[in-house]
């Protein structure tokens, strides 16, 4: 398979798989707007307090 869409197209031919996939649609419909409207900001470490060095496993 070259892509997920091709994989899904093949899997959707299986009636049992399609039944389970379709059963998840209401949950997916509720989740996607939340994810689209509230993107997770990039997580960045907080800067150390001025004049202090933070010691961790990478810089000690």
PDB file of N, CA and C in Angstrom:
ATOM      1  N   UNK A   1       0.838  -1.180   0.000  1.00  0.00           N
ATOM      2  CA  UNK A   1       0.000   0.000   0.000  1.00  0.00           C
ATOM      3  C   UNK A   1       0.883   1.244   0.000  1.00  0.00           C
ATOM      4  N   UNK A   2       0.523   2.198  -0.783  1.00  0.00           N
ATOM      5  CA  UNK A   2       1.313   3.421  -0.878  1.00  0.00           C
ATOM      6  C   UNK A   2       0.859   4.484   0.105  1.00  0.00           C
ATOM      7  N   UNK A   3      -0.385   4.443   0.515  1.00  0.00           N
ATOM      8  CA  UNK A   3      -0.858   5.468   1.432  1.00  0.00           C
ATOM      9  C   UNK A   3      -1.982   4.908   2.298  1.00  0.00           C
ATOM     10  N   UNK A   4      -2.288   5.661   3.351  1.00  0.00           N
ATOM     11  CA  UNK A   4      -3.364   5.224   4.228  1.00  0.00           C
ATOM     12  C   UNK A   4      -4.703   5.203   3.494  1.00  0.00           C
ATOM     13  N   UNK A   5      -4.929   6.153   2.608  1.00  0.00           N
ATOM     14  CA  UNK A   5      -6.210   6.194   1.889  1.00  0.00           C
ATOM     15  C   UNK A   5      -6.394   4.936   1.026  1.00  0.00           C
ATOM     16  N   UNK A   6      -5.311   4.450   0.426  1.00  0.00           N
ATOM     17  CA  UNK A   6      -5.412   3.213  -0.344  1.00  0.00           C
ATOM     18  C   UNK A   6      -5.678   2.026   0.575  1.00  0.00           C
ATOM     19  N   UNK A   7      -5.005   1.989   1.704  1.00  0.00           N
ATOM     20  CA  UNK A   7      -5.210   0.934   2.689  1.00  0.00           C
ATOM     21  C   UNK A   7      -6.657   0.920   3.172  1.00  0.00           C
ATOM     22  N   UNK A   8      -7.171   2.101   3.486  1.00  0.00           N
ATOM     23  CA  UNK A   8      -8.536   2.203   3.973  1.00  0.00           C
ATOM     24  C   UNK A   8      -9.542   1.769   2.909  1.00  0.00           C
ATOM     25  N   UNK A   9      -9.291   2.118   1.695  1.00  0.00           N
ATOM     26  CA  UNK A   9     -10.177   1.728   0.598  1.00  0.00           C
ATOM     27  C   UNK A   9     -10.290   0.203   0.508  1.00  0.00           C
ATOM     28  N   UNK A  10      -9.163  -0.476   0.651  1.00  0.00           N
ATOM     29  CA  UNK A  10      -9.164  -1.942   0.615  1.00  0.00           C
ATOM     30  C   UNK A  10      -9.894  -2.502   1.840  1.00  0.00           C
ATOM     31  N   UNK A  11      -9.598  -1.955   3.020  1.00  0.00           N
ATOM     32  CA  UNK A  11     -10.227  -2.449   4.254  1.00  0.00           C
ATOM     33  C   UNK A  11     -11.734  -2.222   4.271  1.00  0.00           C
ATOM     34  N   UNK A  12     -12.199  -1.134   3.661  1.00  0.00           N
ATOM     35  CA  UNK A  12     -13.633  -0.830   3.676  1.00  0.00           C
ATOM     36  C   UNK A  12     -14.444  -1.821   2.835  1.00  0.00           C
ATOM     37  N   UNK A  13     -13.785  -2.625   2.048  1.00  0.00           N
ATOM     38  CA  UNK A  13     -14.485  -3.666   1.293  1.00  0.00           C
ATOM     39  C   UNK A  13     -14.936  -4.808   2.205  1.00  0.00           C
ATOM     40  N   UNK A  14     -14.289  -4.936   3.354  1.00  0.00           N
ATOM     41  CA  UNK A  14     -14.649  -5.965   4.336  1.00  0.00           C
ATOM     42  C   UNK A  14     -15.853  -5.467   5.136  1.00  0.00           C
ATOM     43  N   UNK A  15     -17.006  -6.160   5.047  1.00  0.00           N
ATOM     44  CA  UNK A  15     -18.216  -5.674   5.733  1.00  0.00           C
ATOM     45  C   UNK A  15     -18.058  -5.566   7.250  1.00  0.00           C
ATOM     46  N   UNK A  16     -17.322  -6.469   7.853  1.00  0.00           N
ATOM     47  CA  UNK A  16     -17.126  -6.431   9.312  1.00  0.00           C
ATOM     48  C   UNK A  16     -16.294  -5.205   9.705  1.00  0.00           C
ATOM     49  N   UNK A  17     -15.246  -4.930   8.969  1.00  0.00           N
ATOM     50  CA  UNK A  17     -14.411  -3.759   9.234  1.00  0.00           C
ATOM     51  C   UNK A  17     -15.219  -2.479   9.043  1.00  0.00           C
ATOM     52  N   UNK A  18     -15.989  -2.414   7.961  1.00  0.00           N
ATOM     53  CA  UNK A  18     -16.790  -1.229   7.667  1.00  0.00           C
ATOM     54  C   UNK A  18     -17.805  -0.966   8.774  1.00  0.00           C
ATOM     55  N   UNK A  19     -18.384  -2.036   9.314  1.00  0.00           N
ATOM     56  CA  UNK A  19     -19.354  -1.889  10.400  1.00  0.00           C
ATOM     57  C   UNK A  19     -18.697  -1.236  11.623  1.00  0.00           C
ATOM     58  N   UNK A  20     -17.506  -1.701  11.976  1.00  0.00           N
ATOM     59  CA  UNK A  20     -16.800  -1.130  13.129  1.00  0.00           C
ATOM     60  C   UNK A  20     -16.340   0.305  12.849  1.00  0.00           C
ATOM     61  N   UNK A  21     -15.882   0.543  11.645  1.00  0.00           N
ATOM     62  CA  UNK A  21     -15.445   1.888  11.251  1.00  0.00           C
ATOM     63  C   UNK A  21     -16.616   2.873  11.323  1.00  0.00           C
ATOM     64  N   UNK A  22     -17.755   2.470  10.784  1.00  0.00           N
ATOM     65  CA  UNK A  22     -18.931   3.342  10.799  1.00  0.00           C
ATOM     66  C   UNK A  22     -19.464   3.572  12.209  1.00  0.00           C
ATOM     67  N   UNK A  23     -19.282   2.594  13.080  1.00  0.00           N
ATOM     68  CA  UNK A  23     -19.742   2.744  14.462  1.00  0.00           C
ATOM     69  C   UNK A  23     -18.960   3.828  15.199  1.00  0.00           C
ATOM     70  N   UNK A  24     -17.741   4.105  14.767  1.00  0.00           N
ATOM     71  CA  UNK A  24     -16.920   5.131  15.408  1.00  0.00           C
ATOM     72  C   UNK A  24     -17.201   6.542  14.896  1.00  0.00           C
ATOM     73  N   UNK A  25     -17.962   6.672  13.838  1.00  0.00           N
ATOM     74  CA  UNK A  25     -18.205   7.968  13.217  1.00  0.00           C
ATOM     75  C   UNK A  25     -18.788   9.018  14.177  1.00  0.00           C
ATOM     76  N   UNK A  26     -19.791   8.694  15.014  1.00  0.00           N
ATOM     77  CA  UNK A  26     -20.312   9.725  15.928  1.00  0.00           C
ATOM     78  C   UNK A  26     -19.248  10.262  16.891  1.00  0.00           C
ATOM     79  N   UNK A  27     -18.385   9.383  17.379  1.00  0.00           N
ATOM     80  CA  UNK A  27     -17.324   9.823  18.286  1.00  0.00           C
ATOM     81  C   UNK A  27     -16.308  10.691  17.532  1.00  0.00           C
ATOM     82  N   UNK A  28     -15.970  10.283  16.333  1.00  0.00           N
ATOM     83  CA  UNK A  28     -15.041  11.040  15.500  1.00  0.00           C
ATOM     84  C   UNK A  28     -15.607  12.422  15.182  1.00  0.00           C
ATOM     85  N   UNK A  29     -16.895  12.482  14.904  1.00  0.00           N
ATOM     86  CA  UNK A  29     -17.535  13.761  14.572  1.00  0.00           C
ATOM     87  C   UNK A  29     -17.476  14.741  15.749  1.00  0.00           C
ATOM     88  N   UNK A  30     -17.475  14.241  16.972  1.00  0.00           N
ATOM     89  CA  UNK A  30     -17.367  15.107  18.147  1.00  0.00           C
ATOM     90  C   UNK A  30     -15.920  15.521  18.421  1.00  0.00           C
ATOM     91  N   UNK A  31     -14.988  14.639  18.138  1.00  0.00           N
ATOM     92  CA  UNK A  31     -13.592  14.866  18.477  1.00  0.00           C
ATOM     93  C   UNK A  31     -12.887  15.814  17.510  1.00  0.00           C
ATOM     94  N   UNK A  32     -13.130  15.680  16.231  1.00  0.00           N
ATOM     95  CA  UNK A  32     -12.397  16.467  15.247  1.00  0.00           C
ATOM     96  C   UNK A  32     -12.578  17.985  15.396  1.00  0.00           C
ATOM     97  N   UNK A  33     -13.765  18.493  15.632  1.00  0.00           N
ATOM     98  CA  UNK A  33     -13.870  19.955  15.827  1.00  0.00           C
ATOM     99  C   UNK A  33     -13.075  20.457  17.031  1.00  0.00           C
ATOM    100  N   UNK A  34     -13.004  19.648  18.066  1.00  0.00           N
ATOM    101  CA  UNK A  34     -12.222  20.035  19.245  1.00  0.00           C
ATOM    102  C   UNK A  34     -10.754  20.145  18.875  1.00  0.00           C
ATOM    103  N   UNK A  35     -10.258  19.150  18.141  1.00  0.00           N
ATOM    104  CA  UNK A  35      -8.854  19.164  17.757  1.00  0.00           C
ATOM    105  C   UNK A  35      -8.534  20.289  16.777  1.00  0.00           C
ATOM    106  N   UNK A  36      -9.446  20.571  15.881  1.00  0.00           N
ATOM    107  CA  UNK A  36      -9.197  21.618  14.889  1.00  0.00           C
ATOM    108  C   UNK A  36      -9.239  23.014  15.496  1.00  0.00           C
ATOM    109  N   UNK A  37     -10.088  23.232  16.494  1.00  0.00           N
ATOM    110  CA  UNK A  37     -10.245  24.564  17.087  1.00  0.00           C
ATOM    111  C   UNK A  37      -9.284  24.824  18.238  1.00  0.00           C
ATOM    112  N   UNK A  38      -8.707  23.790  18.804  1.00  0.00           N
ATOM    113  CA  UNK A  38      -7.813  23.948  19.948  1.00  0.00           C
ATOM    114  C   UNK A  38      -6.498  23.221  19.694  1.00  0.00           C
ATOM    115  N   UNK A  39      -5.678  23.710  18.791  1.00  0.00           N
ATOM    116  CA  UNK A  39      -4.419  23.014  18.534  1.00  0.00           C
ATOM    117  C   UNK A  39      -3.522  23.053  19.765  1.00  0.00           C
ATOM    118  N   UNK A  40      -2.793  22.019  19.949  1.00  0.00           N
ATOM    119  CA  UNK A  40      -1.876  21.943  21.075  1.00  0.00           C
ATOM    120  C   UNK A  40      -0.656  22.803  20.771  1.00  0.00           C
ATOM    121  N   UNK A  41      -0.347  23.748  21.629  1.00  0.00           N
ATOM    122  CA  UNK A  41       0.843  24.568  21.373  1.00  0.00           C
ATOM    123  C   UNK A  41       2.101  23.712  21.502  1.00  0.00           C
ATOM    124  N   UNK A  42       3.147  24.135  20.819  1.00  0.00           N
ATOM    125  CA  UNK A  42       4.404  23.407  20.951  1.00  0.00           C
ATOM    126  C   UNK A  42       4.873  23.498  22.393  1.00  0.00           C
ATOM    127  N   UNK A  43       5.287  22.379  22.906  1.00  0.00           N
ATOM    128  CA  UNK A  43       5.757  22.353  24.281  1.00  0.00           C
ATOM    129  C   UNK A  43       7.229  22.742  24.307  1.00  0.00           C
ATOM    130  N   UNK A  44       7.524  23.784  25.052  1.00  0.00           N
ATOM    131  CA  UNK A  44       8.898  24.251  25.195  1.00  0.00           C
ATOM    132  C   UNK A  44       9.219  24.299  26.680  1.00  0.00           C
ATOM    133  N   UNK A  45      10.447  23.948  27.038  1.00  0.00           N
ATOM    134  CA  UNK A  45      10.785  24.008  28.462  1.00  0.00           C
ATOM    135  C   UNK A  45      10.790  25.454  28.950  1.00  0.00           C
ATOM    136  N   UNK A  46      10.395  25.618  30.163  1.00  0.00           N
ATOM    137  CA  UNK A  46      10.388  26.954  30.763  1.00  0.00           C
ATOM    138  C   UNK A  46      11.835  27.408  30.955  1.00  0.00           C
ATOM    139  N   UNK A  47      12.107  28.678  30.762  1.00  0.00           N
ATOM    140  CA  UNK A  47      13.472  29.161  30.978  1.00  0.00           C
ATOM    141  C   UNK A  47      13.805  29.122  32.467  1.00  0.00           C
ATOM    142  N   UNK A  48      15.086  28.945  32.784  1.00  0.00           N
ATOM    143  CA  UNK A  48      15.452  28.919  34.202  1.00  0.00           C
ATOM    144  C   UNK A  48      15.286  30.309  34.806  1.00  0.00           C
ATOM    145  N   UNK A  49      15.078  30.387  36.114  1.00  0.00           N
ATOM    146  CA  UNK A  49      15.026  31.700  36.765  1.00  0.00           C
ATOM    147  C   UNK A  49      16.331  32.442  36.493  1.00  0.00           C
ATOM    148  N   UNK A  50      16.259  33.740  36.400  1.00  0.00           N
ATOM    149  CA  UNK A  50      17.437  34.532  36.017  1.00  0.00           C
ATOM    150  C   UNK A  50      18.617  34.246  36.943  1.00  0.00           C
ATOM    151  N   UNK A  51      19.769  34.061  36.307  1.00  0.00           N
ATOM    152  CA  UNK A  51      20.999  33.835  37.064  1.00  0.00           C
ATOM    153  C   UNK A  51      21.178  32.421  37.563  1.00  0.00           C
ATOM    154  N   UNK A  52      20.257  31.521  37.293  1.00  0.00           N
ATOM    155  CA  UNK A  52      20.385  30.147  37.771  1.00  0.00           C
ATOM    156  C   UNK A  52      20.488  29.193  36.589  1.00  0.00           C
ATOM    157  N   UNK A  53      21.204  28.118  36.809  1.00  0.00           N
ATOM    158  CA  UNK A  53      21.322  27.095  35.781  1.00  0.00           C
ATOM    159  C   UNK A  53      20.523  25.871  36.242  1.00  0.00           C
ATOM    160  N   UNK A  54      19.784  25.303  35.310  1.00  0.00           N
ATOM    161  CA  UNK A  54      19.022  24.096  35.632  1.00  0.00           C
ATOM    162  C   UNK A  54      19.875  22.890  35.266  1.00  0.00           C
ATOM    163  N   UNK A  55      20.042  21.982  36.222  1.00  0.00           N
ATOM    164  CA  UNK A  55      20.804  20.767  35.983  1.00  0.00           C
ATOM    165  C   UNK A  55      19.826  19.636  35.695  1.00  0.00           C
ATOM    166  N   UNK A  56      20.110  18.931  34.634  1.00  0.00           N
ATOM    167  CA  UNK A  56      19.314  17.754  34.325  1.00  0.00           C
ATOM    168  C   UNK A  56      20.234  16.698  33.730  1.00  0.00           C
ATOM    169  N   UNK A  57      19.687  15.663  33.201  1.00  0.00           N
ATOM    170  CA  UNK A  57      20.520  14.557  32.714  1.00  0.00           C
ATOM    171  C   UNK A  57      21.303  14.935  31.453  1.00  0.00           C
ATOM    172  N   UNK A  58      21.015  16.057  30.855  1.00  0.00           N
ATOM    173  CA  UNK A  58      21.703  16.445  29.637  1.00  0.00           C
ATOM    174  C   UNK A  58      22.818  17.455  29.867  1.00  0.00           C
ATOM    175  N   UNK A  59      22.751  18.205  30.938  1.00  0.00           N
ATOM    176  CA  UNK A  59      23.781  19.248  31.155  1.00  0.00           C
ATOM    177  C   UNK A  59      24.151  19.344  32.635  1.00  0.00           C
ATOM    178  N   UNK A  60      24.925  18.409  33.106  1.00  0.00           N
ATOM    179  CA  UNK A  60      25.339  18.505  34.501  1.00  0.00           C
ATOM    180  C   UNK A  60      26.826  18.418  34.631  1.00  0.00           C
TER     181      UNK A  60
END
